[in-house]
């Protein structure tokens, strides 16, 4: 089970087609943090109807996505 110590939300919307490599670059360039430090990083689209979560679990990267059919985050 993944249980990050911290969760950061990148407030600038991102393209939801981006994968782990591009989102990892965003963490490095915007937060100046390594994406594999045990922290979870959240990203949303412009409409705030989708959320992606990038998490390093010690052996690899998890990229989870949630889409709302109504409302927004």
PDB file of N, CA and C in Angstrom:
ATOM      1  N   UNK A   1       0.834  -1.181   0.000  1.00  0.00           N
ATOM      2  CA  UNK A   1       0.000   0.000   0.000  1.00  0.00           C
ATOM      3  C   UNK A   1       0.879   1.244   0.000  1.00  0.00           C
ATOM      4  N   UNK A   2       0.483   2.228  -0.774  1.00  0.00           N
ATOM      5  CA  UNK A   2       1.226   3.479  -0.885  1.00  0.00           C
ATOM      6  C   UNK A   2       0.681   4.465   0.132  1.00  0.00           C
ATOM      7  N   UNK A   3       1.569   5.009   0.954  1.00  0.00           N
ATOM      8  CA  UNK A   3       1.149   6.043   1.905  1.00  0.00           C
ATOM      9  C   UNK A   3       2.216   7.129   1.944  1.00  0.00           C
ATOM     10  N   UNK A   4       2.072   8.133   1.061  1.00  0.00           N
ATOM     11  CA  UNK A   4       3.067   9.205   1.015  1.00  0.00           C
ATOM     12  C   UNK A   4       3.041  10.045   2.275  1.00  0.00           C
ATOM     13  N   UNK A   5       4.200  10.585   2.619  1.00  0.00           N
ATOM     14  CA  UNK A   5       4.300  11.463   3.788  1.00  0.00           C
ATOM     15  C   UNK A   5       3.712  12.840   3.508  1.00  0.00           C
ATOM     16  N   UNK A   6       3.823  13.296   2.266  1.00  0.00           N
ATOM     17  CA  UNK A   6       3.323  14.614   1.883  1.00  0.00           C
ATOM     18  C   UNK A   6       2.602  14.502   0.547  1.00  0.00           C
ATOM     19  N   UNK A   7       1.680  15.438   0.308  1.00  0.00           N
ATOM     20  CA  UNK A   7       0.987  15.531  -0.975  1.00  0.00           C
ATOM     21  C   UNK A   7       1.061  16.981  -1.427  1.00  0.00           C
ATOM     22  N   UNK A   8       1.555  17.190  -2.638  1.00  0.00           N
ATOM     23  CA  UNK A   8       1.623  18.525  -3.223  1.00  0.00           C
ATOM     24  C   UNK A   8       0.675  18.579  -4.406  1.00  0.00           C
ATOM     25  N   UNK A   9      -0.024  19.689  -4.569  1.00  0.00           N
ATOM     26  CA  UNK A   9      -0.884  19.905  -5.725  1.00  0.00           C
ATOM     27  C   UNK A   9      -0.263  20.989  -6.584  1.00  0.00           C
ATOM     28  N   UNK A  10       0.015  20.645  -7.826  1.00  0.00           N
ATOM     29  CA  UNK A  10       0.513  21.630  -8.783  1.00  0.00           C
ATOM     30  C   UNK A  10      -0.702  22.433  -9.238  1.00  0.00           C
ATOM     31  N   UNK A  11      -0.740  23.727  -8.954  1.00  0.00           N
ATOM     32  CA  UNK A  11      -1.940  24.516  -9.213  1.00  0.00           C
ATOM     33  C   UNK A  11      -2.099  24.910 -10.681  1.00  0.00           C
ATOM     34  N   UNK A  12      -1.027  24.944 -11.425  1.00  0.00           N
ATOM     35  CA  UNK A  12      -1.098  25.259 -12.849  1.00  0.00           C
ATOM     36  C   UNK A  12      -1.675  24.046 -13.587  1.00  0.00           C
ATOM     37  N   UNK A  13      -2.761  24.211 -14.370  1.00  0.00           N
ATOM     38  CA  UNK A  13      -3.342  23.063 -15.064  1.00  0.00           C
ATOM     39  C   UNK A  13      -2.364  22.460 -16.072  1.00  0.00           C
ATOM     40  N   UNK A  14      -2.479  21.143 -16.257  1.00  0.00           N
ATOM     41  CA  UNK A  14      -1.612  20.444 -17.198  1.00  0.00           C
ATOM     42  C   UNK A  14      -2.452  19.692 -18.224  1.00  0.00           C
ATOM     43  N   UNK A  15      -1.806  19.292 -19.293  1.00  0.00           N
ATOM     44  CA  UNK A  15      -2.431  18.488 -20.338  1.00  0.00           C
ATOM     45  C   UNK A  15      -2.557  17.057 -19.808  1.00  0.00           C
ATOM     46  N   UNK A  16      -3.754  16.536 -19.752  1.00  0.00           N
ATOM     47  CA  UNK A  16      -3.984  15.208 -19.185  1.00  0.00           C
ATOM     48  C   UNK A  16      -3.455  14.075 -20.070  1.00  0.00           C
ATOM     49  N   UNK A  17      -2.945  14.399 -21.251  1.00  0.00           N
ATOM     50  CA  UNK A  17      -2.297  13.380 -22.084  1.00  0.00           C
ATOM     51  C   UNK A  17      -0.868  13.108 -21.624  1.00  0.00           C
ATOM     52  N   UNK A  18      -0.332  13.992 -20.787  1.00  0.00           N
ATOM     53  CA  UNK A  18       1.040  13.825 -20.306  1.00  0.00           C
ATOM     54  C   UNK A  18       1.154  12.572 -19.457  1.00  0.00           C
ATOM     55  N   UNK A  19       2.301  11.901 -19.577  1.00  0.00           N
ATOM     56  CA  UNK A  19       2.576  10.699 -18.811  1.00  0.00           C
ATOM     57  C   UNK A  19       3.543  10.964 -17.673  1.00  0.00           C
ATOM     58  N   UNK A  20       4.128   9.898 -17.156  1.00  0.00           N
ATOM     59  CA  UNK A  20       4.994  10.004 -15.979  1.00  0.00           C
ATOM     60  C   UNK A  20       6.230  10.864 -16.244  1.00  0.00           C
ATOM     61  N   UNK A  21       6.828  10.743 -17.412  1.00  0.00           N
ATOM     62  CA  UNK A  21       8.051  11.502 -17.696  1.00  0.00           C
ATOM     63  C   UNK A  21       7.789  13.003 -17.700  1.00  0.00           C
ATOM     64  N   UNK A  22       6.766  13.421 -18.407  1.00  0.00           N
ATOM     65  CA  UNK A  22       6.469  14.857 -18.511  1.00  0.00           C
ATOM     66  C   UNK A  22       6.005  15.431 -17.167  1.00  0.00           C
ATOM     67  N   UNK A  23       5.190  14.674 -16.437  1.00  0.00           N
ATOM     68  CA  UNK A  23       4.733  15.146 -15.125  1.00  0.00           C
ATOM     69  C   UNK A  23       5.893  15.210 -14.134  1.00  0.00           C
ATOM     70  N   UNK A  24       6.825  14.274 -14.227  1.00  0.00           N
ATOM     71  CA  UNK A  24       8.027  14.313 -13.382  1.00  0.00           C
ATOM     72  C   UNK A  24       8.854  15.561 -13.679  1.00  0.00           C
ATOM     73  N   UNK A  25       8.924  15.935 -14.951  1.00  0.00           N
ATOM     74  CA  UNK A  25       9.629  17.161 -15.325  1.00  0.00           C
ATOM     75  C   UNK A  25       8.955  18.384 -14.709  1.00  0.00           C
ATOM     76  N   UNK A  26       7.620  18.389 -14.663  1.00  0.00           N
ATOM     77  CA  UNK A  26       6.895  19.501 -14.051  1.00  0.00           C
ATOM     78  C   UNK A  26       7.227  19.631 -12.570  1.00  0.00           C
ATOM     79  N   UNK A  27       7.307  18.500 -11.873  1.00  0.00           N
ATOM     80  CA  UNK A  27       7.665  18.520 -10.448  1.00  0.00           C
ATOM     81  C   UNK A  27       9.045  19.126 -10.274  1.00  0.00           C
ATOM     82  N   UNK A  28       9.982  18.710 -11.117  1.00  0.00           N
ATOM     83  CA  UNK A  28      11.350  19.212 -11.001  1.00  0.00           C
ATOM     84  C   UNK A  28      11.447  20.688 -11.343  1.00  0.00           C
ATOM     85  N   UNK A  29      10.758  21.127 -12.385  1.00  0.00           N
ATOM     86  CA  UNK A  29      10.895  22.514 -12.821  1.00  0.00           C
ATOM     87  C   UNK A  29      10.081  23.484 -11.968  1.00  0.00           C
ATOM     88  N   UNK A  30       8.891  23.097 -11.509  1.00  0.00           N
ATOM     89  CA  UNK A  30       8.053  24.026 -10.743  1.00  0.00           C
ATOM     90  C   UNK A  30       8.324  23.990  -9.242  1.00  0.00           C
ATOM     91  N   UNK A  31       8.583  22.808  -8.707  1.00  0.00           N
ATOM     92  CA  UNK A  31       8.775  22.692  -7.263  1.00  0.00           C
ATOM     93  C   UNK A  31      10.234  22.513  -6.852  1.00  0.00           C
ATOM     94  N   UNK A  32      11.099  22.265  -7.834  1.00  0.00           N
ATOM     95  CA  UNK A  32      12.522  22.027  -7.575  1.00  0.00           C
ATOM     96  C   UNK A  32      12.708  20.886  -6.578  1.00  0.00           C
ATOM     97  N   UNK A  33      11.936  19.821  -6.791  1.00  0.00           N
ATOM     98  CA  UNK A  33      11.985  18.637  -5.935  1.00  0.00           C
ATOM     99  C   UNK A  33      12.158  17.404  -6.811  1.00  0.00           C
ATOM    100  N   UNK A  34      12.791  16.367  -6.288  1.00  0.00           N
ATOM    101  CA  UNK A  34      12.871  15.121  -7.044  1.00  0.00           C
ATOM    102  C   UNK A  34      11.525  14.397  -6.993  1.00  0.00           C
ATOM    103  N   UNK A  35      11.010  13.920  -8.114  1.00  0.00           N
ATOM    104  CA  UNK A  35       9.705  13.271  -8.114  1.00  0.00           C
ATOM    105  C   UNK A  35       9.699  11.904  -7.429  1.00  0.00           C
ATOM    106  N   UNK A  36      10.869  11.392  -7.089  1.00  0.00           N
ATOM    107  CA  UNK A  36      10.949  10.062  -6.464  1.00  0.00           C
ATOM    108  C   UNK A  36      11.373  10.153  -5.003  1.00  0.00           C
ATOM    109  N   UNK A  37      10.807  11.134  -4.280  1.00  0.00           N
ATOM    110  CA  UNK A  37      11.173  11.334  -2.872  1.00  0.00           C
ATOM    111  C   UNK A  37      10.130  10.804  -1.897  1.00  0.00           C
ATOM    112  N   UNK A  38       9.160  10.036  -2.382  1.00  0.00           N
ATOM    113  CA  UNK A  38       8.138   9.489  -1.507  1.00  0.00           C
ATOM    114  C   UNK A  38       6.933  10.388  -1.322  1.00  0.00           C
ATOM    115  N   UNK A  39       6.944  11.527  -1.991  1.00  0.00           N
ATOM    116  CA  UNK A  39       5.840  12.476  -1.927  1.00  0.00           C
ATOM    117  C   UNK A  39       4.879  12.195  -3.077  1.00  0.00           C
ATOM    118  N   UNK A  40       3.599  12.455  -2.881  1.00  0.00           N
ATOM    119  CA  UNK A  40       2.608  12.344  -3.953  1.00  0.00           C
ATOM    120  C   UNK A  40       2.406  13.730  -4.563  1.00  0.00           C
ATOM    121  N   UNK A  41       2.293  13.793  -5.875  1.00  0.00           N
ATOM    122  CA  UNK A  41       2.116  15.056  -6.588  1.00  0.00           C
ATOM    123  C   UNK A  41       0.831  14.982  -7.394  1.00  0.00           C
ATOM    124  N   UNK A  42      -0.066  15.948  -7.175  1.00  0.00           N
ATOM    125  CA  UNK A  42      -1.344  15.977  -7.871  1.00  0.00           C
ATOM    126  C   UNK A  42      -1.357  17.026  -8.966  1.00  0.00           C
ATOM    127  N   UNK A  43      -2.028  16.689 -10.055  1.00  0.00           N
ATOM    128  CA  UNK A  43      -2.156  17.568 -11.223  1.00  0.00           C
ATOM    129  C   UNK A  43      -3.611  17.568 -11.665  1.00  0.00           C
ATOM    130  N   UNK A  44      -4.111  18.722 -12.122  1.00  0.00           N
ATOM    131  CA  UNK A  44      -5.468  18.803 -12.642  1.00  0.00           C
ATOM    132  C   UNK A  44      -5.463  19.424 -14.031  1.00  0.00           C
ATOM    133  N   UNK A  45      -6.566  19.224 -14.742  1.00  0.00           N
ATOM    134  CA  UNK A  45      -6.734  19.893 -16.028  1.00  0.00           C
ATOM    135  C   UNK A  45      -7.343  21.269 -15.797  1.00  0.00           C
ATOM    136  N   UNK A  46      -7.514  22.027 -16.850  1.00  0.00           N
ATOM    137  CA  UNK A  46      -8.009  23.402 -16.730  1.00  0.00           C
ATOM    138  C   UNK A  46      -9.427  23.456 -16.149  1.00  0.00           C
ATOM    139  N   UNK A  47     -10.275  22.507 -16.523  1.00  0.00           N
ATOM    140  CA  UNK A  47     -11.659  22.480 -16.044  1.00  0.00           C
ATOM    141  C   UNK A  47     -11.774  21.902 -14.633  1.00  0.00           C
ATOM    142  N   UNK A  48     -10.667  21.389 -14.089  1.00  0.00           N
ATOM    143  CA  UNK A  48     -10.639  20.769 -12.764  1.00  0.00           C
ATOM    144  C   UNK A  48     -11.589  19.563 -12.675  1.00  0.00           C
ATOM    145  N   UNK A  49     -11.809  18.895 -13.810  1.00  0.00           N
ATOM    146  CA  UNK A  49     -12.671  17.717 -13.828  1.00  0.00           C
ATOM    147  C   UNK A  49     -11.863  16.422 -13.823  1.00  0.00           C
ATOM    148  N   UNK A  50     -10.557  16.531 -13.939  1.00  0.00           N
ATOM    149  CA  UNK A  50      -9.676  15.365 -13.908  1.00  0.00           C
ATOM    150  C   UNK A  50      -8.513  15.613 -12.966  1.00  0.00           C
ATOM    151  N   UNK A  51      -8.063  14.538 -12.333  1.00  0.00           N
ATOM    152  CA  UNK A  51      -6.954  14.607 -11.394  1.00  0.00           C
ATOM    153  C   UNK A  51      -5.998  13.462 -11.696  1.00  0.00           C
ATOM    154  N   UNK A  52      -4.720  13.764 -11.779  1.00  0.00           N
ATOM    155  CA  UNK A  52      -3.689  12.741 -11.898  1.00  0.00           C
ATOM    156  C   UNK A  52      -2.798  12.831 -10.674  1.00  0.00           C
ATOM    157  N   UNK A  53      -2.404  11.674 -10.167  1.00  0.00           N
ATOM    158  CA  UNK A  53      -1.560  11.601  -8.983  1.00  0.00           C
ATOM    159  C   UNK A  53      -0.313  10.802  -9.331  1.00  0.00           C
ATOM    160  N   UNK A  54       0.841  11.399  -9.119  1.00  0.00           N
ATOM    161  CA  UNK A  54       2.137  10.782  -9.405  1.00  0.00           C
ATOM    162  C   UNK A  54       2.781  10.410  -8.070  1.00  0.00           C
ATOM    163  N   UNK A  55       3.061   9.120  -7.890  1.00  0.00           N
ATOM    164  CA  UNK A  55       3.590   8.649  -6.608  1.00  0.00           C
ATOM    165  C   UNK A  55       4.741   7.675  -6.858  1.00  0.00           C
ATOM    166  N   UNK A  56       5.835   7.860  -6.147  1.00  0.00           N
ATOM    167  CA  UNK A  56       6.964   6.929  -6.151  1.00  0.00           C
ATOM    168  C   UNK A  56       6.782   6.005  -4.964  1.00  0.00           C
ATOM    169  N   UNK A  57       6.765   4.675  -5.183  1.00  0.00           N
ATOM    170  CA  UNK A  57       6.530   3.738  -4.084  1.00  0.00           C
ATOM    171  C   UNK A  57       7.793   3.033  -3.608  1.00  0.00           C
ATOM    172  N   UNK A  58       8.944   3.471  -4.077  1.00  0.00           N
ATOM    173  CA  UNK A  58      10.201   2.853  -3.667  1.00  0.00           C
ATOM    174  C   UNK A  58      10.795   1.954  -4.729  1.00  0.00           C
ATOM    175  N   UNK A  59       9.941   1.440  -5.603  1.00  0.00           N
ATOM    176  CA  UNK A  59      10.437   0.571  -6.680  1.00  0.00           C
ATOM    177  C   UNK A  59      10.057   1.095  -8.058  1.00  0.00           C
ATOM    178  N   UNK A  60       9.091   1.969  -8.127  1.00  0.00           N
ATOM    179  CA  UNK A  60       8.641   2.508  -9.405  1.00  0.00           C
ATOM    180  C   UNK A  60       7.647   3.633  -9.185  1.00  0.00           C
ATOM    181  N   UNK A  61       7.149   4.157 -10.287  1.00  0.00           N
ATOM    182  CA  UNK A  61       6.227   5.292 -10.245  1.00  0.00           C
ATOM    183  C   UNK A  61       4.814   4.809 -10.538  1.00  0.00           C
ATOM    184  N   UNK A  62       3.864   5.263  -9.732  1.00  0.00           N
ATOM    185  CA  UNK A  62       2.444   5.032  -9.969  1.00  0.00           C
ATOM    186  C   UNK A  62       1.854   6.302 -10.540  1.00  0.00           C
ATOM    187  N   UNK A  63       1.039   6.168 -11.567  1.00  0.00           N
ATOM    188  CA  UNK A  63       0.312   7.301 -12.117  1.00  0.00           C
ATOM    189  C   UNK A  63      -1.164   6.928 -12.096  1.00  0.00           C
ATOM    190  N   UNK A  64      -1.907   7.574 -11.218  1.00  0.00           N
ATOM    191  CA  UNK A  64      -3.333   7.291 -11.048  1.00  0.00           C
ATOM    192  C   UNK A  64      -4.131   8.448 -11.629  1.00  0.00           C
ATOM    193  N   UNK A  65      -5.289   8.143 -12.182  1.00  0.00           N
ATOM    194  CA  UNK A  65      -6.131   9.187 -12.755  1.00  0.00           C
ATOM    195  C   UNK A  65      -7.568   9.016 -12.290  1.00  0.00           C
ATOM    196  N   UNK A  66      -8.219  10.142 -12.011  1.00  0.00           N
ATOM    197  CA  UNK A  66      -9.624  10.148 -11.616  1.00  0.00           C
ATOM    198  C   UNK A  66     -10.342  11.172 -12.475  1.00  0.00           C
ATOM    199  N   UNK A  67     -11.495  10.788 -13.030  1.00  0.00           N
ATOM    200  CA  UNK A  67     -12.282  11.706 -13.854  1.00  0.00           C
ATOM    201  C   UNK A  67     -13.667  11.859 -13.241  1.00  0.00           C
ATOM    202  N   UNK A  68     -14.086  13.103 -13.059  1.00  0.00           N
ATOM    203  CA  UNK A  68     -15.433  13.387 -12.554  1.00  0.00           C
ATOM    204  C   UNK A  68     -16.373  13.589 -13.736  1.00  0.00           C
ATOM    205  N   UNK A  69     -17.527  12.970 -13.667  1.00  0.00           N
ATOM    206  CA  UNK A  69     -18.520  13.165 -14.730  1.00  0.00           C
ATOM    207  C   UNK A  69     -19.370  14.408 -14.473  1.00  0.00           C
ATOM    208  N   UNK A  70     -19.457  14.787 -13.192  1.00  0.00           N
ATOM    209  CA  UNK A  70     -20.159  16.024 -12.809  1.00  0.00           C
ATOM    210  C   UNK A  70     -19.319  16.743 -11.764  1.00  0.00           C
ATOM    211  N   UNK A  71     -19.353  18.058 -11.808  1.00  0.00           N
ATOM    212  CA  UNK A  71     -18.633  18.835 -10.806  1.00  0.00           C
ATOM    213  C   UNK A  71     -17.147  18.973 -11.122  1.00  0.00           C
ATOM    214  N   UNK A  72     -16.398  19.439 -10.132  1.00  0.00           N
ATOM    215  CA  UNK A  72     -14.963  19.640 -10.300  1.00  0.00           C
ATOM    216  C   UNK A  72     -14.265  19.548  -8.953  1.00  0.00           C
ATOM    217  N   UNK A  73     -12.950  19.377  -9.023  1.00  0.00           N
ATOM    218  CA  UNK A  73     -12.138  19.278  -7.807  1.00  0.00           C
ATOM    219  C   UNK A  73     -11.874  20.660  -7.267  1.00  0.00           C
TER     220      UNK A  73
END
